[in-house]
Amino acid sequence: MHLRAQALVLSVRQHGEHNAVVRCLTREAGMIAGYVRGGRSRALRPVLQPANLIVGEWRARTEDQLAGLTVELTHSRAPLYSEPLASAALEWVTALTAIALPESQAYPRLYGALDGMIGAIEAAPAARGWAVALVRYEDLLLAELGYGLGQSPAVSRESDWPEIIGALAFTGREIEAHLLTDRRAEALAARARLIERLKRAVA
């Protein structure tokens, strides 16, 4: 197995003292995990931050083996992590995607939507610029995985905050019911933090 592709970093799990298992989303091959030697080093930690755009190269002798991964940073989203609301949004959408998607199945619409969602946060860290995109991304994720009709709750950039918060409550219930069950439900804590920060920001 050999793949070289542009990817969004979704999650990083420490392996041993210095290495890491990294999950990334590619347009061509879906979500792929890779083993990064030195992934916890001072040099690579900033590269492997969730939401960063990288070019990854995965190599494995067989399809069933965890591939070795080398990475090259294309675009860093590190500045967004200094903004509490933006960082909460990035933490949630990357964690949700990493947990919900099966590996090695292409979801090009999701890749484009996630890239657009992160780009919207980058363009306007204030929630008004990306809250509707978050609703639509959650709804699309549910639809792509076979839940719902793929029709976003009726919100737009002109919607007021009660409508947007209501739409997020709806997609949140669907995600909890269908995608984040059992031990995966722990990820919902990240969403709860995001929603609380949103409510405080617009109060």
Protein backbone atom coordinates (compact mmCIF):
# COMPACT_ATOMS: atom_id res chain seq x y z
CA MET A 1 0.00 0.00 0.00
CA HIS A 2 1.36 3.39 -1.00
CA LEU A 3 -0.57 6.62 -1.02
CA ARG A 4 0.50 10.23 -1.26
CA ALA A 5 -2.32 12.73 -0.80
CA GLN A 6 -3.38 16.03 0.66
CA ALA A 7 -5.15 15.49 3.98
CA LEU A 8 -6.71 17.15 7.00
CA VAL A 9 -5.35 16.04 10.36
CA LEU A 10 -8.17 14.72 12.54
CA SER A 11 -6.62 13.16 15.63
CA VAL A 12 -3.27 12.35 17.17
CA ARG A 13 -2.80 9.60 19.74
CA GLN A 14 0.52 9.21 21.50
CA HIS A 15 2.24 5.85 21.01
CA GLY A 16 5.16 5.28 23.32
CA GLU A 17 7.21 8.25 24.41
CA HIS A 18 7.95 9.84 21.06
CA ASN A 19 5.70 8.40 18.35
CA ALA A 20 2.06 8.90 17.37
CA VAL A 21 -0.85 7.27 15.56
CA VAL A 22 -2.44 9.94 13.40
CA ARG A 23 -5.80 9.85 11.65
CA CYS A 24 -6.26 12.04 8.61
CA LEU A 25 -9.04 12.63 6.12
CA THR A 26 -8.20 12.52 2.41
CA ARG A 27 -10.49 13.23 -0.50
CA GLU A 28 -9.34 10.19 -2.46
CA ALA A 29 -9.18 7.45 0.17
CA GLY A 30 -11.27 8.67 3.09
CA MET A 31 -9.92 8.46 6.61
CA ILE A 32 -6.57 6.76 6.99
CA ALA A 33 -4.50 6.09 10.08
CA GLY A 34 -0.72 6.21 10.01
CA TYR A 35 2.18 5.69 12.39
CA VAL A 36 4.43 8.72 12.65
CA ARG A 37 7.86 8.16 14.12
CA GLY A 38 8.81 11.13 16.25
CA GLY A 39 5.24 12.37 16.03
CA ARG A 40 5.42 13.74 19.57
CA SER A 41 8.68 15.56 18.96
CA ARG A 42 9.00 19.32 19.21
CA ALA A 43 9.40 19.53 15.45
CA LEU A 44 6.34 17.47 14.50
CA ARG A 45 3.80 18.38 17.17
CA PRO A 46 2.91 21.71 15.47
CA VAL A 47 2.58 19.91 12.13
CA LEU A 48 0.23 17.25 13.50
CA GLN A 49 -2.26 19.62 15.09
CA PRO A 50 -5.88 18.70 14.27
CA ALA A 51 -7.34 20.78 11.41
CA ASN A 52 -3.94 21.36 9.81
CA LEU A 53 -3.65 20.69 6.10
CA ILE A 54 -0.79 18.37 5.20
CA VAL A 55 0.58 16.25 2.40
CA GLY A 56 0.91 12.75 3.79
CA GLU A 57 2.66 9.70 2.43
CA TRP A 58 1.45 6.33 3.73
CA ARG A 59 3.44 3.14 3.15
CA ALA A 60 2.61 -0.39 4.30
CA ARG A 61 3.54 -3.86 3.09
CA THR A 62 -0.06 -5.05 3.23
CA GLU A 63 -3.48 -3.39 3.26
CA ASP A 64 -4.13 -4.69 6.80
CA GLN A 65 -0.94 -3.26 8.30
CA LEU A 66 -0.87 0.14 9.99
CA ALA A 67 0.97 2.27 7.49
CA GLY A 68 4.00 4.32 8.27
CA LEU A 69 3.24 7.98 7.65
CA THR A 70 5.49 10.89 6.77
CA VAL A 71 4.00 14.37 6.73
CA GLU A 72 4.66 17.73 5.18
CA LEU A 73 2.80 20.78 6.47
CA THR A 74 0.83 22.64 3.81
CA HIS A 75 -1.22 25.01 5.93
CA SER A 76 -1.27 25.52 9.71
CA ARG A 77 -4.38 26.43 11.68
CA ALA A 78 -2.36 26.95 14.88
CA PRO A 79 -3.35 30.64 15.28
CA LEU A 80 -6.99 29.60 15.66
CA TYR A 81 -6.20 27.67 18.83
CA SER A 82 -5.60 30.97 20.62
CA GLU A 83 -9.31 31.81 20.12
CA PRO A 84 -11.44 29.87 22.66
CA LEU A 85 -14.53 29.63 20.45
CA ALA A 86 -12.66 28.74 17.27
CA SER A 87 -10.51 26.18 19.07
CA ALA A 88 -13.61 24.53 20.57
CA ALA A 89 -15.15 24.26 17.10
CA LEU A 90 -11.99 22.73 15.61
CA GLU A 91 -11.69 20.28 18.49
CA TRP A 92 -15.26 19.11 17.98
CA VAL A 93 -15.45 18.75 14.19
CA THR A 94 -12.12 16.92 13.94
CA ALA A 95 -12.92 14.58 16.85
CA LEU A 96 -16.40 13.86 15.48
CA THR A 97 -15.04 13.03 12.04
CA ALA A 98 -12.26 10.82 13.39
CA ILE A 99 -14.65 8.81 15.54
CA ALA A 100 -17.64 8.57 13.21
CA LEU A 101 -16.07 7.64 9.87
CA PRO A 102 -14.98 4.13 8.95
CA GLU A 103 -11.43 3.90 7.64
CA SER A 104 -10.49 3.74 3.98
CA GLN A 105 -13.87 4.72 2.57
CA ALA A 106 -13.95 7.82 0.43
CA TYR A 107 -16.37 10.61 1.34
CA PRO A 108 -15.40 13.41 -1.05
CA ARG A 109 -18.40 15.56 -0.13
CA LEU A 110 -17.47 15.35 3.55
CA TYR A 111 -13.86 16.19 2.81
CA GLY A 112 -14.94 19.29 0.90
CA ALA A 113 -17.44 20.29 3.59
CA LEU A 114 -14.95 19.86 6.42
CA ASP A 115 -12.29 21.81 4.55
CA GLY A 116 -14.86 24.54 3.90
CA MET A 117 -15.99 24.53 7.53
CA ILE A 118 -12.46 24.95 8.80
CA GLY A 119 -11.83 27.63 6.19
CA ALA A 120 -14.91 29.52 7.40
CA ILE A 121 -13.61 29.45 10.98
CA GLU A 122 -10.25 30.70 9.75
CA ALA A 123 -11.82 33.52 7.74
CA ALA A 124 -14.04 34.66 10.61
CA PRO A 125 -13.26 33.22 14.06
CA ALA A 126 -16.42 34.93 15.38
CA ALA A 127 -19.21 32.35 15.36
CA ARG A 128 -21.56 34.30 13.08
CA GLY A 129 -19.27 33.43 10.18
CA TRP A 130 -19.32 29.66 10.62
CA ALA A 131 -22.15 28.48 12.91
CA VAL A 132 -24.46 27.70 9.98
CA ALA A 133 -21.63 25.79 8.26
CA LEU A 134 -21.32 23.68 11.41
CA VAL A 135 -25.02 22.77 11.30
CA ARG A 136 -24.70 21.81 7.65
CA TYR A 137 -21.56 19.76 8.22
CA GLU A 138 -23.13 17.78 11.05
CA ASP A 139 -26.22 17.17 8.95
CA LEU A 140 -24.17 16.07 5.93
CA LEU A 141 -22.12 13.69 8.08
CA LEU A 142 -25.31 12.06 9.35
CA ALA A 143 -26.64 11.76 5.80
CA GLU A 144 -23.42 10.32 4.38
CA LEU A 145 -23.44 7.64 7.06
CA GLY A 146 -27.04 6.70 6.35
CA TYR A 147 -28.97 8.73 8.91
CA GLY A 148 -31.40 11.44 7.90
CA LEU A 149 -32.32 12.81 4.49
CA GLY A 150 -29.35 15.09 4.00
CA GLN A 151 -31.53 18.16 4.34
CA SER A 152 -30.02 20.66 6.72
CA PRO A 153 -32.28 22.23 9.30
CA ALA A 154 -33.66 25.44 7.79
CA VAL A 155 -30.96 27.90 8.79
CA SER A 156 -28.99 30.40 6.74
CA ARG A 157 -26.64 33.31 7.30
CA GLU A 158 -29.73 35.42 7.88
CA SER A 159 -31.06 33.17 10.65
CA ASP A 160 -31.12 34.54 14.16
CA TRP A 161 -29.23 32.87 16.98
CA PRO A 162 -32.18 31.05 18.57
CA GLU A 163 -32.80 29.34 15.21
CA ILE A 164 -29.14 28.37 14.85
CA ILE A 165 -28.89 27.08 18.42
CA GLY A 166 -32.09 25.13 17.86
CA ALA A 167 -30.70 23.57 14.69
CA LEU A 168 -27.53 22.59 16.55
CA ALA A 169 -29.64 21.01 19.27
CA PHE A 170 -31.39 18.94 16.60
CA THR A 171 -28.21 17.70 14.90
CA GLY A 172 -26.67 17.09 18.32
CA ARG A 173 -29.50 14.76 19.31
CA GLU A 174 -29.16 12.86 16.04
CA ILE A 175 -25.39 12.52 16.44
CA GLU A 176 -25.76 11.26 20.00
CA ALA A 177 -28.45 8.76 18.99
CA HIS A 178 -26.76 7.35 15.90
CA LEU A 179 -23.02 8.04 15.84
CA LEU A 180 -21.57 8.54 19.29
CA THR A 181 -22.89 5.68 21.37
CA ASP A 182 -21.19 3.58 24.07
CA ARG A 183 -17.59 4.61 24.76
CA ARG A 184 -17.55 7.00 21.82
CA ALA A 185 -20.04 9.19 23.68
CA GLU A 186 -17.09 10.71 25.57
CA ALA A 187 -16.46 12.90 22.52
CA LEU A 188 -19.73 14.70 23.19
CA ALA A 189 -18.00 16.61 25.98
CA ALA A 190 -16.16 18.58 23.29
CA ARG A 191 -19.47 19.47 21.67
CA ALA A 192 -20.97 20.50 25.00
CA ARG A 193 -18.05 22.88 25.57
CA LEU A 194 -18.53 24.37 22.11
CA ILE A 195 -22.28 24.91 22.56
CA GLU A 196 -21.77 26.57 25.94
CA ARG A 197 -19.18 28.91 24.49
CA LEU A 198 -21.49 29.72 21.59
CA LYS A 199 -24.33 30.56 23.95
CA ARG A 200 -22.09 32.80 26.04
CA ALA A 201 -20.74 34.52 22.93
CA VAL A 202 -24.19 35.44 21.64
CA ALA A 203 -25.90 36.12 24.96
